Amino acid sequence: MKFLKYFVVFAVVFTSCKTKKDLINANSIAEKMSAKKVARKHIAANFDKQTVDAKLKANFNNGKINQSISVSLKMEKDQVIWLKGTKFITLFKAKITPTSVSYYSSLKREYFEGDFTMLKKLLGTDINFNQLQNLFLGQSLTNVKDQKQNVSIIDNSYVLSPEIQESLFDVFFSVNPSHFKLDKQSIVNSAKNQRLDVFYPSYNVVDDAIFPSEINIKAKQPGKFTDIDFTVRSIEFNTDIDTSFSIPRSYKQIKL
């Protein structure tokens, strides 16, 4: 009886681990499925931890600056996103909440406090807190259940797009057939020749949560571009995090 009990426990644990591993199975095939079901599964795959504490490697290139730095990412879901970039010394810090963006550069000794105008300038599109949070989590920038979607299968991904696109831009979400997080998402403004593409080449399962292990951001607008590639080096969930933020004295305010 005791052997049977241990065997059952082992079988349950083994099956659970196998199931989680299967969620990021690269051999999954996108079979025919309704847009409504794909959208529902994508929403169900949303991140369910309270905090994120991650160490990232970031490569930044905008044609003028091309450098690789280390980035600390701390996130309290729906409350705050905190970032610190370092390369031997602290290069910048940023704190984003649902209502404000605060940032300072140690090298330029300047700071910004205000709305999301700074992120719009960087990415070439309007973006709010929830959308930025979803960008890091591998979820759609807009709610795919807010309106009816079309679905097609392209490159073994379910591609969702609204039946009626927004007047100013088109959005497309490529959903992975294994775990239903995103492989890619795009916002395209053809009239202004602007687009934002976010790629998710790979994911890892950490503490029963599926989280991107790579994020590639490509923003293009007339005369300029910004490429930011993130690679996750380590990550923890549901830990105590410190997101305190203060701007050093004597720094000059950035006017946008």
C-alpha atoms as a PDB file:
ATOM      1  CA  MET A   1       0.000   0.000   0.000  1.00  0.00           C
ATOM      2  CA  LYS A   2       2.816   2.401   0.864  1.00  0.00           C
ATOM      3  CA  PHE A   3       4.553   1.585  -2.427  1.00  0.00           C
ATOM      4  CA  LEU A   4       1.296   2.193  -4.289  1.00  0.00           C
ATOM      5  CA  LYS A   5       0.885   5.579  -2.579  1.00  0.00           C
ATOM      6  CA  TYR A   6       4.381   6.695  -3.578  1.00  0.00           C
ATOM      7  CA  PHE A   7       3.855   5.417  -7.092  1.00  0.00           C
ATOM      8  CA  VAL A   8       0.649   7.453  -7.455  1.00  0.00           C
ATOM      9  CA  VAL A   9       2.383  10.609  -6.161  1.00  0.00           C
ATOM     10  CA  PHE A  10       5.284  10.074  -8.557  1.00  0.00           C
ATOM     11  CA  ALA A  11       2.907   9.472 -11.460  1.00  0.00           C
ATOM     12  CA  VAL A  12       0.974  12.674 -10.738  1.00  0.00           C
ATOM     13  CA  VAL A  13       4.147  14.766 -10.480  1.00  0.00           C
ATOM     14  CA  PHE A  14       5.610  13.201 -13.615  1.00  0.00           C
ATOM     15  CA  THR A  15       2.410  13.734 -15.588  1.00  0.00           C
ATOM     16  CA  SER A  16       2.188  17.341 -14.416  1.00  0.00           C
ATOM     17  CA  CYS A  17       5.770  18.053 -15.482  1.00  0.00           C
ATOM     18  CA  LYS A  18       5.212  16.374 -18.801  1.00  0.00           C
ATOM     19  CA  THR A  19       2.081  18.418 -19.405  1.00  0.00           C
ATOM     20  CA  LYS A  20       3.926  21.687 -18.714  1.00  0.00           C
ATOM     21  CA  LYS A  21       6.766  20.636 -20.999  1.00  0.00           C
ATOM     22  CA  ASP A  22       4.307  19.808 -23.758  1.00  0.00           C
ATOM     23  CA  LEU A  23       2.969  23.366 -23.569  1.00  0.00           C
ATOM     24  CA  ILE A  24       6.107  24.620 -25.307  1.00  0.00           C
ATOM     25  CA  ASN A  25       6.343  21.747 -27.747  1.00  0.00           C
ATOM     26  CA  ALA A  26       7.789  23.145 -30.977  1.00  0.00           C
ATOM     27  CA  ASN A  27       6.239  20.266 -32.919  1.00  0.00           C
ATOM     28  CA  SER A  28       2.626  21.302 -32.239  1.00  0.00           C
ATOM     29  CA  ILE A  29       0.578  21.731 -35.405  1.00  0.00           C
ATOM     30  CA  ALA A  30      -1.959  24.523 -35.855  1.00  0.00           C
ATOM     31  CA  GLU A  31      -5.149  22.692 -36.799  1.00  0.00           C
ATOM     32  CA  LYS A  32      -8.342  24.384 -37.946  1.00  0.00           C
ATOM     33  CA  MET A  33      -9.992  26.285 -35.081  1.00  0.00           C
ATOM     34  CA  SER A  34     -12.524  29.109 -34.840  1.00  0.00           C
ATOM     35  CA  ALA A  35     -11.302  32.647 -34.175  1.00  0.00           C
ATOM     36  CA  LYS A  36     -13.484  32.780 -31.070  1.00  0.00           C
ATOM     37  CA  LYS A  37     -11.833  29.667 -29.619  1.00  0.00           C
ATOM     38  CA  VAL A  38      -8.305  30.879 -30.416  1.00  0.00           C
ATOM     39  CA  ALA A  39      -9.062  34.234 -28.749  1.00  0.00           C
ATOM     40  CA  ARG A  40     -10.523  32.487 -25.705  1.00  0.00           C
ATOM     41  CA  LYS A  41      -7.476  30.234 -25.346  1.00  0.00           C
ATOM     42  CA  HIS A  42      -5.118  33.196 -25.701  1.00  0.00           C
ATOM     43  CA  ILE A  43      -6.933  35.107 -22.951  1.00  0.00           C
ATOM     44  CA  ALA A  44      -6.876  31.977 -20.748  1.00  0.00           C
ATOM     45  CA  ALA A  45      -3.081  31.786 -21.166  1.00  0.00           C
ATOM     46  CA  ASN A  46      -2.626  35.194 -19.534  1.00  0.00           C
ATOM     47  CA  PHE A  47       0.098  35.546 -16.892  1.00  0.00           C
ATOM     48  CA  ASP A  48      -1.262  34.836 -13.404  1.00  0.00           C
ATOM     49  CA  LYS A  49       1.644  35.680 -11.077  1.00  0.00           C
ATOM     50  CA  GLN A  50       1.689  38.858  -8.971  1.00  0.00           C
ATOM     51  CA  THR A  51       5.307  39.965  -9.385  1.00  0.00           C
ATOM     52  CA  VAL A  52       8.213  39.499 -11.791  1.00  0.00           C
ATOM     53  CA  ASP A  53      11.892  39.945 -10.916  1.00  0.00           C
ATOM     54  CA  ALA A  54      14.044  39.332 -13.993  1.00  0.00           C
ATOM     55  CA  LYS A  55      17.564  39.911 -15.267  1.00  0.00           C
ATOM     56  CA  LEU A  56      17.756  40.580 -18.990  1.00  0.00           C
ATOM     57  CA  LYS A  57      20.348  41.168 -21.663  1.00  0.00           C
ATOM     58  CA  ALA A  58      19.257  43.940 -24.024  1.00  0.00           C
ATOM     59  CA  ASN A  59      20.640  44.929 -27.410  1.00  0.00           C
ATOM     60  CA  PHE A  60      19.579  48.419 -28.518  1.00  0.00           C
ATOM     61  CA  ASN A  61      20.045  49.842 -32.016  1.00  0.00           C
ATOM     62  CA  ASN A  62      18.499  52.962 -33.541  1.00  0.00           C
ATOM     63  CA  GLY A  63      21.124  53.686 -36.197  1.00  0.00           C
ATOM     64  CA  LYS A  64      22.885  56.180 -33.964  1.00  0.00           C
ATOM     65  CA  ILE A  65      23.359  54.075 -30.849  1.00  0.00           C
ATOM     66  CA  ASN A  66      24.160  50.373 -30.998  1.00  0.00           C
ATOM     67  CA  GLN A  67      24.972  48.820 -27.637  1.00  0.00           C
ATOM     68  CA  SER A  68      24.388  45.839 -25.391  1.00  0.00           C
ATOM     69  CA  ILE A  69      23.477  46.362 -21.730  1.00  0.00           C
ATOM     70  CA  SER A  70      22.124  44.487 -18.726  1.00  0.00           C
ATOM     71  CA  VAL A  71      18.583  45.306 -17.658  1.00  0.00           C
ATOM     72  CA  SER A  72      16.761  44.591 -14.412  1.00  0.00           C
ATOM     73  CA  LEU A  73      13.003  44.255 -14.855  1.00  0.00           C
ATOM     74  CA  LYS A  74      10.657  44.341 -11.876  1.00  0.00           C
ATOM     75  CA  MET A  75       6.937  44.200 -12.361  1.00  0.00           C
ATOM     76  CA  GLU A  76       3.953  44.211 -10.030  1.00  0.00           C
ATOM     77  CA  LYS A  77       1.106  43.134 -12.249  1.00  0.00           C
ATOM     78  CA  ASP A  78      -1.298  45.944 -13.171  1.00  0.00           C
ATOM     79  CA  GLN A  79       0.569  48.330 -10.830  1.00  0.00           C
ATOM     80  CA  VAL A  80       4.137  49.138 -11.853  1.00  0.00           C
ATOM     81  CA  ILE A  81       6.925  48.289 -14.316  1.00  0.00           C
ATOM     82  CA  TRP A  82      10.431  49.193 -13.099  1.00  0.00           C
ATOM     83  CA  LEU A  83      13.556  49.063 -15.271  1.00  0.00           C
ATOM     84  CA  LYS A  84      17.251  49.682 -14.644  1.00  0.00           C
ATOM     85  CA  GLY A  85      19.908  49.540 -17.356  1.00  0.00           C
ATOM     86  CA  THR A  86      23.554  49.012 -16.454  1.00  0.00           C
ATOM     87  CA  LYS A  87      26.906  48.627 -18.141  1.00  0.00           C
ATOM     88  CA  PHE A  88      29.519  48.812 -15.374  1.00  0.00           C
ATOM     89  CA  ILE A  89      27.488  51.739 -14.017  1.00  0.00           C
ATOM     90  CA  THR A  90      23.778  52.579 -13.934  1.00  0.00           C
ATOM     91  CA  LEU A  91      22.840  54.038 -17.325  1.00  0.00           C
ATOM     92  CA  PHE A  92      19.154  54.690 -16.728  1.00  0.00           C
ATOM     93  CA  LYS A  93      16.187  53.962 -14.524  1.00  0.00           C
ATOM     94  CA  ALA A  94      12.509  54.043 -15.406  1.00  0.00           C
ATOM     95  CA  LYS A  95       9.273  53.561 -13.521  1.00  0.00           C
ATOM     96  CA  ILE A  96       5.988  53.173 -15.383  1.00  0.00           C
ATOM     97  CA  THR A  97       2.588  53.113 -13.706  1.00  0.00           C
ATOM     98  CA  PRO A  98      -0.897  53.105 -15.276  1.00  0.00           C
ATOM     99  CA  THR A  99      -0.899  56.925 -15.200  1.00  0.00           C
ATOM    100  CA  SER A 100       2.722  58.079 -15.551  1.00  0.00           C
ATOM    101  CA  VAL A 101       6.217  57.508 -16.912  1.00  0.00           C
ATOM    102  CA  SER A 102       9.310  58.526 -14.944  1.00  0.00           C
ATOM    103  CA  TYR A 103      12.818  58.146 -16.398  1.00  0.00           C
ATOM    104  CA  TYR A 104      16.328  59.430 -15.946  1.00  0.00           C
ATOM    105  CA  SER A 105      19.656  58.991 -17.710  1.00  0.00           C
ATOM    106  CA  SER A 106      22.775  58.980 -15.556  1.00  0.00           C
ATOM    107  CA  LEU A 107      25.010  59.643 -18.551  1.00  0.00           C
ATOM    108  CA  LYS A 108      23.119  62.646 -19.881  1.00  0.00           C
ATOM    109  CA  ARG A 109      22.054  63.776 -16.402  1.00  0.00           C
ATOM    110  CA  GLU A 110      18.504  64.399 -17.586  1.00  0.00           C
ATOM    111  CA  TYR A 111      15.067  63.141 -16.641  1.00  0.00           C
ATOM    112  CA  PHE A 112      11.485  62.866 -17.840  1.00  0.00           C
ATOM    113  CA  GLU A 113       8.280  62.854 -15.834  1.00  0.00           C
ATOM    114  CA  GLY A 114       4.928  62.787 -17.549  1.00  0.00           C
ATOM    115  CA  ASP A 115       2.561  60.679 -19.613  1.00  0.00           C
ATOM    116  CA  PHE A 116       3.267  58.004 -22.230  1.00  0.00           C
ATOM    117  CA  THR A 117       4.518  60.491 -24.844  1.00  0.00           C
ATOM    118  CA  MET A 118       8.087  59.278 -24.339  1.00  0.00           C
ATOM    119  CA  LEU A 119       7.165  55.663 -25.120  1.00  0.00           C
ATOM    120  CA  LYS A 120       5.177  56.768 -28.157  1.00  0.00           C
ATOM    121  CA  LYS A 121       8.255  58.614 -29.440  1.00  0.00           C
ATOM    122  CA  LEU A 122      10.405  55.517 -28.897  1.00  0.00           C
ATOM    123  CA  LEU A 123       8.003  52.955 -30.413  1.00  0.00           C
ATOM    124  CA  GLY A 124       6.220  55.113 -32.956  1.00  0.00           C
ATOM    125  CA  THR A 125       2.735  54.229 -31.715  1.00  0.00           C
ATOM    126  CA  ASP A 126       0.447  55.092 -28.838  1.00  0.00           C
ATOM    127  CA  ILE A 127       0.902  52.625 -25.992  1.00  0.00           C
ATOM    128  CA  ASN A 128      -0.556  52.538 -22.490  1.00  0.00           C
ATOM    129  CA  PHE A 129       0.498  50.736 -19.322  1.00  0.00           C
ATOM    130  CA  ASN A 130      -1.561  47.610 -19.903  1.00  0.00           C
ATOM    131  CA  GLN A 131      -0.250  47.284 -23.457  1.00  0.00           C
ATOM    132  CA  LEU A 132       3.368  47.671 -22.331  1.00  0.00           C
ATOM    133  CA  GLN A 133       2.805  45.058 -19.643  1.00  0.00           C
ATOM    134  CA  ASN A 134       1.299  42.679 -22.197  1.00  0.00           C
ATOM    135  CA  LEU A 135       4.258  43.277 -24.510  1.00  0.00           C
ATOM    136  CA  PHE A 136       6.598  41.861 -21.862  1.00  0.00           C
ATOM    137  CA  LEU A 137       4.242  38.958 -21.055  1.00  0.00           C
ATOM    138  CA  GLY A 138       3.621  37.666 -24.582  1.00  0.00           C
ATOM    139  CA  GLN A 139      -0.029  38.772 -24.613  1.00  0.00           C
ATOM    140  CA  SER A 140      -1.906  40.817 -27.217  1.00  0.00           C
ATOM    141  CA  LEU A 141      -1.611  44.609 -27.001  1.00  0.00           C
ATOM    142  CA  THR A 142      -5.364  44.911 -27.534  1.00  0.00           C
ATOM    143  CA  ASN A 143      -8.093  42.670 -26.120  1.00  0.00           C
ATOM    144  CA  VAL A 144      -8.870  40.040 -28.775  1.00  0.00           C
ATOM    145  CA  LYS A 145     -12.308  39.480 -27.225  1.00  0.00           C
ATOM    146  CA  ASP A 146     -13.429  43.103 -27.552  1.00  0.00           C
ATOM    147  CA  GLN A 147     -14.517  42.563 -31.132  1.00  0.00           C
ATOM    148  CA  LYS A 148     -15.035  39.757 -33.634  1.00  0.00           C
ATOM    149  CA  GLN A 149     -11.837  38.368 -35.110  1.00  0.00           C
ATOM    150  CA  ASN A 150     -10.807  36.725 -38.367  1.00  0.00           C
ATOM    151  CA  VAL A 151      -8.399  33.802 -38.127  1.00  0.00           C
ATOM    152  CA  SER A 152      -5.994  32.253 -40.610  1.00  0.00           C
ATOM    153  CA  ILE A 153      -3.079  29.862 -40.252  1.00  0.00           C
ATOM    154  CA  ILE A 154       0.254  31.302 -41.385  1.00  0.00           C
ATOM    155  CA  ASP A 155       3.646  29.715 -40.660  1.00  0.00           C
ATOM    156  CA  ASN A 156       1.984  27.345 -38.155  1.00  0.00           C
ATOM    157  CA  SER A 157       0.506  30.200 -36.107  1.00  0.00           C
ATOM    158  CA  TYR A 158      -3.109  31.261 -35.690  1.00  0.00           C
ATOM    159  CA  VAL A 159      -3.209  34.832 -36.981  1.00  0.00           C
ATOM    160  CA  LEU A 160      -6.025  36.862 -35.414  1.00  0.00           C
ATOM    161  CA  SER A 161      -7.116  40.201 -36.845  1.00  0.00           C
ATOM    162  CA  PRO A 162     -10.294  42.202 -36.149  1.00  0.00           C
ATOM    163  CA  GLU A 163     -13.070  41.823 -38.711  1.00  0.00           C
ATOM    164  CA  ILE A 164     -13.250  45.628 -38.673  1.00  0.00           C
ATOM    165  CA  GLN A 165      -9.798  47.156 -38.239  1.00  0.00           C
ATOM    166  CA  GLU A 166      -9.241  50.477 -36.492  1.00  0.00           C
ATOM    167  CA  SER A 167      -9.448  53.554 -38.726  1.00  0.00           C
ATOM    168  CA  LEU A 168      -5.841  54.596 -38.049  1.00  0.00           C
ATOM    169  CA  PHE A 169      -4.022  51.261 -37.872  1.00  0.00           C
ATOM    170  CA  ASP A 170      -4.264  47.508 -38.467  1.00  0.00           C
ATOM    171  CA  VAL A 171      -3.381  44.926 -35.812  1.00  0.00           C
ATOM    172  CA  PHE A 172      -2.362  41.279 -36.221  1.00  0.00           C
ATOM    173  CA  PHE A 173      -1.643  38.664 -33.547  1.00  0.00           C
ATOM    174  CA  SER A 174       0.133  35.375 -34.306  1.00  0.00           C
ATOM    175  CA  VAL A 175      -0.862  32.849 -31.632  1.00  0.00           C
ATOM    176  CA  ASN A 176       1.253  29.771 -30.893  1.00  0.00           C
ATOM    177  CA  PRO A 177      -0.699  26.490 -31.328  1.00  0.00           C
ATOM    178  CA  SER A 178       1.060  24.838 -28.364  1.00  0.00           C
ATOM    179  CA  HIS A 179       0.644  27.280 -25.450  1.00  0.00           C
ATOM    180  CA  PHE A 180      -1.493  30.035 -27.076  1.00  0.00           C
ATOM    181  CA  LYS A 181       0.863  32.832 -26.108  1.00  0.00           C
ATOM    182  CA  LEU A 182       2.053  35.011 -28.990  1.00  0.00           C
ATOM    183  CA  ASP A 183       4.670  34.234 -31.612  1.00  0.00           C
ATOM    184  CA  LYS A 184       4.360  37.769 -32.994  1.00  0.00           C
ATOM    185  CA  GLN A 185       2.182  40.864 -32.884  1.00  0.00           C
ATOM    186  CA  SER A 186       2.094  43.826 -35.250  1.00  0.00           C
ATOM    187  CA  ILE A 187       0.543  47.283 -35.324  1.00  0.00           C
ATOM    188  CA  VAL A 188       0.662  48.869 -38.780  1.00  0.00           C
ATOM    189  CA  ASN A 189      -0.196  52.452 -39.737  1.00  0.00           C
ATOM    190  CA  SER A 190       0.099  52.443 -43.520  1.00  0.00           C
ATOM    191  CA  ALA A 191      -0.944  56.074 -43.913  1.00  0.00           C
ATOM    192  CA  LYS A 192       1.979  57.288 -41.798  1.00  0.00           C
ATOM    193  CA  ASN A 193       4.339  54.477 -42.862  1.00  0.00           C
ATOM    194  CA  GLN A 194       4.735  53.344 -39.258  1.00  0.00           C
ATOM    195  CA  ARG A 195       4.769  49.847 -37.814  1.00  0.00           C
ATOM    196  CA  LEU A 196       5.597  48.067 -34.586  1.00  0.00           C
ATOM    197  CA  ASP A 197       6.483  44.357 -34.687  1.00  0.00           C
ATOM    198  CA  VAL A 198       7.127  42.320 -31.544  1.00  0.00           C
ATOM    199  CA  PHE A 199       8.508  38.790 -31.962  1.00  0.00           C
ATOM    200  CA  TYR A 200       8.656  36.043 -29.322  1.00  0.00           C
ATOM    201  CA  PRO A 201      11.133  33.432 -30.647  1.00  0.00           C
ATOM    202  CA  SER A 202      11.001  31.253 -27.521  1.00  0.00           C
ATOM    203  CA  TYR A 203       9.361  30.704 -24.124  1.00  0.00           C
ATOM    204  CA  ASN A 204      10.273  28.894 -20.907  1.00  0.00           C
ATOM    205  CA  VAL A 205       8.096  27.330 -18.214  1.00  0.00           C
ATOM    206  CA  VAL A 206       9.100  28.712 -14.794  1.00  0.00           C
ATOM    207  CA  ASP A 207       7.081  27.887 -11.667  1.00  0.00           C
ATOM    208  CA  ASP A 208       4.170  26.705 -13.819  1.00  0.00           C
ATOM    209  CA  ALA A 209       4.129  30.005 -15.724  1.00  0.00           C
ATOM    210  CA  ILE A 210       4.904  30.378 -19.425  1.00  0.00           C
ATOM    211  CA  PHE A 211       7.110  33.448 -19.909  1.00  0.00           C
ATOM    212  CA  PRO A 212       8.997  34.749 -22.970  1.00  0.00           C
ATOM    213  CA  SER A 213      12.690  33.940 -22.898  1.00  0.00           C
ATOM    214  CA  GLU A 214      13.309  36.220 -25.902  1.00  0.00           C
ATOM    215  CA  ILE A 215      11.535  39.374 -27.080  1.00  0.00           C
ATOM    216  CA  ASN A 216      12.495  41.236 -30.276  1.00  0.00           C
ATOM    217  CA  ILE A 217      10.955  44.704 -30.740  1.00  0.00           C
ATOM    218  CA  LYS A 218      11.195  46.423 -34.123  1.00  0.00           C
ATOM    219  CA  ALA A 219       9.712  49.913 -34.490  1.00  0.00           C
ATOM    220  CA  LYS A 220       9.844  51.718 -37.831  1.00  0.00           C
ATOM    221  CA  GLN A 221       8.707  55.175 -38.876  1.00  0.00           C
ATOM    222  CA  PRO A 222       9.828  57.516 -41.673  1.00  0.00           C
ATOM    223  CA  GLY A 223      13.529  58.270 -41.375  1.00  0.00           C
ATOM    224  CA  LYS A 224      14.190  56.238 -38.239  1.00  0.00           C
ATOM    225  CA  PHE A 225      13.957  52.857 -36.569  1.00  0.00           C
ATOM    226  CA  THR A 226      14.442  51.302 -33.145  1.00  0.00           C
ATOM    227  CA  ASP A 227      15.372  47.650 -32.560  1.00  0.00           C
ATOM    228  CA  ILE A 228      15.426  46.265 -29.007  1.00  0.00           C
ATOM    229  CA  ASP A 229      16.220  42.598 -28.387  1.00  0.00           C
ATOM    230  CA  PHE A 230      15.711  41.151 -24.890  1.00  0.00           C
ATOM    231  CA  THR A 231      17.048  37.818 -23.659  1.00  0.00           C
ATOM    232  CA  VAL A 232      15.978  36.610 -20.207  1.00  0.00           C
ATOM    233  CA  ARG A 233      18.932  35.448 -18.117  1.00  0.00           C
ATOM    234  CA  SER A 234      17.060  34.710 -14.874  1.00  0.00           C
ATOM    235  CA  ILE A 235      13.569  35.215 -13.522  1.00  0.00           C
ATOM    236  CA  GLU A 236      11.585  34.805 -10.292  1.00  0.00           C
ATOM    237  CA  PHE A 237       7.899  35.243  -9.569  1.00  0.00           C
ATOM    238  CA  ASN A 238       5.900  36.265  -6.500  1.00  0.00           C
ATOM    239  CA  THR A 239       8.862  37.608  -4.539  1.00  0.00           C
ATOM    240  CA  ASP A 240       9.200  40.864  -2.610  1.00  0.00           C
ATOM    241  CA  ILE A 241      10.405  43.540  -5.035  1.00  0.00           C
ATOM    242  CA  ASP A 242      11.653  47.070  -4.494  1.00  0.00           C
ATOM    243  CA  THR A 243      10.386  49.548  -7.110  1.00  0.00           C
ATOM    244  CA  SER A 244      11.400  52.737  -5.333  1.00  0.00           C
ATOM    245  CA  PHE A 245      12.387  55.567  -7.654  1.00  0.00           C
ATOM    246  CA  SER A 246      13.822  59.045  -7.131  1.00  0.00           C
ATOM    247  CA  ILE A 247      15.368  61.481  -9.587  1.00  0.00           C
ATOM    248  CA  PRO A 248      18.820  62.769  -8.621  1.00  0.00           C
ATOM    249  CA  ARG A 249      19.141  66.469  -7.932  1.00  0.00           C
ATOM    250  CA  SER A 250      20.548  68.818 -10.587  1.00  0.00           C
ATOM    251  CA  TYR A 251      19.326  66.682 -13.490  1.00  0.00           C
ATOM    252  CA  LYS A 252      17.790  68.619 -16.398  1.00  0.00           C
ATOM    253  CA  GLN A 253      14.177  67.910 -17.377  1.00  0.00           C
ATOM    254  CA  ILE A 254      13.510  66.558 -20.857  1.00  0.00           C
ATOM    255  CA  LYS A 255      10.829  68.470 -22.775  1.00  0.00           C
ATOM    256  CA  LEU A 256       8.935  66.478 -25.425  1.00  0.00           C
END
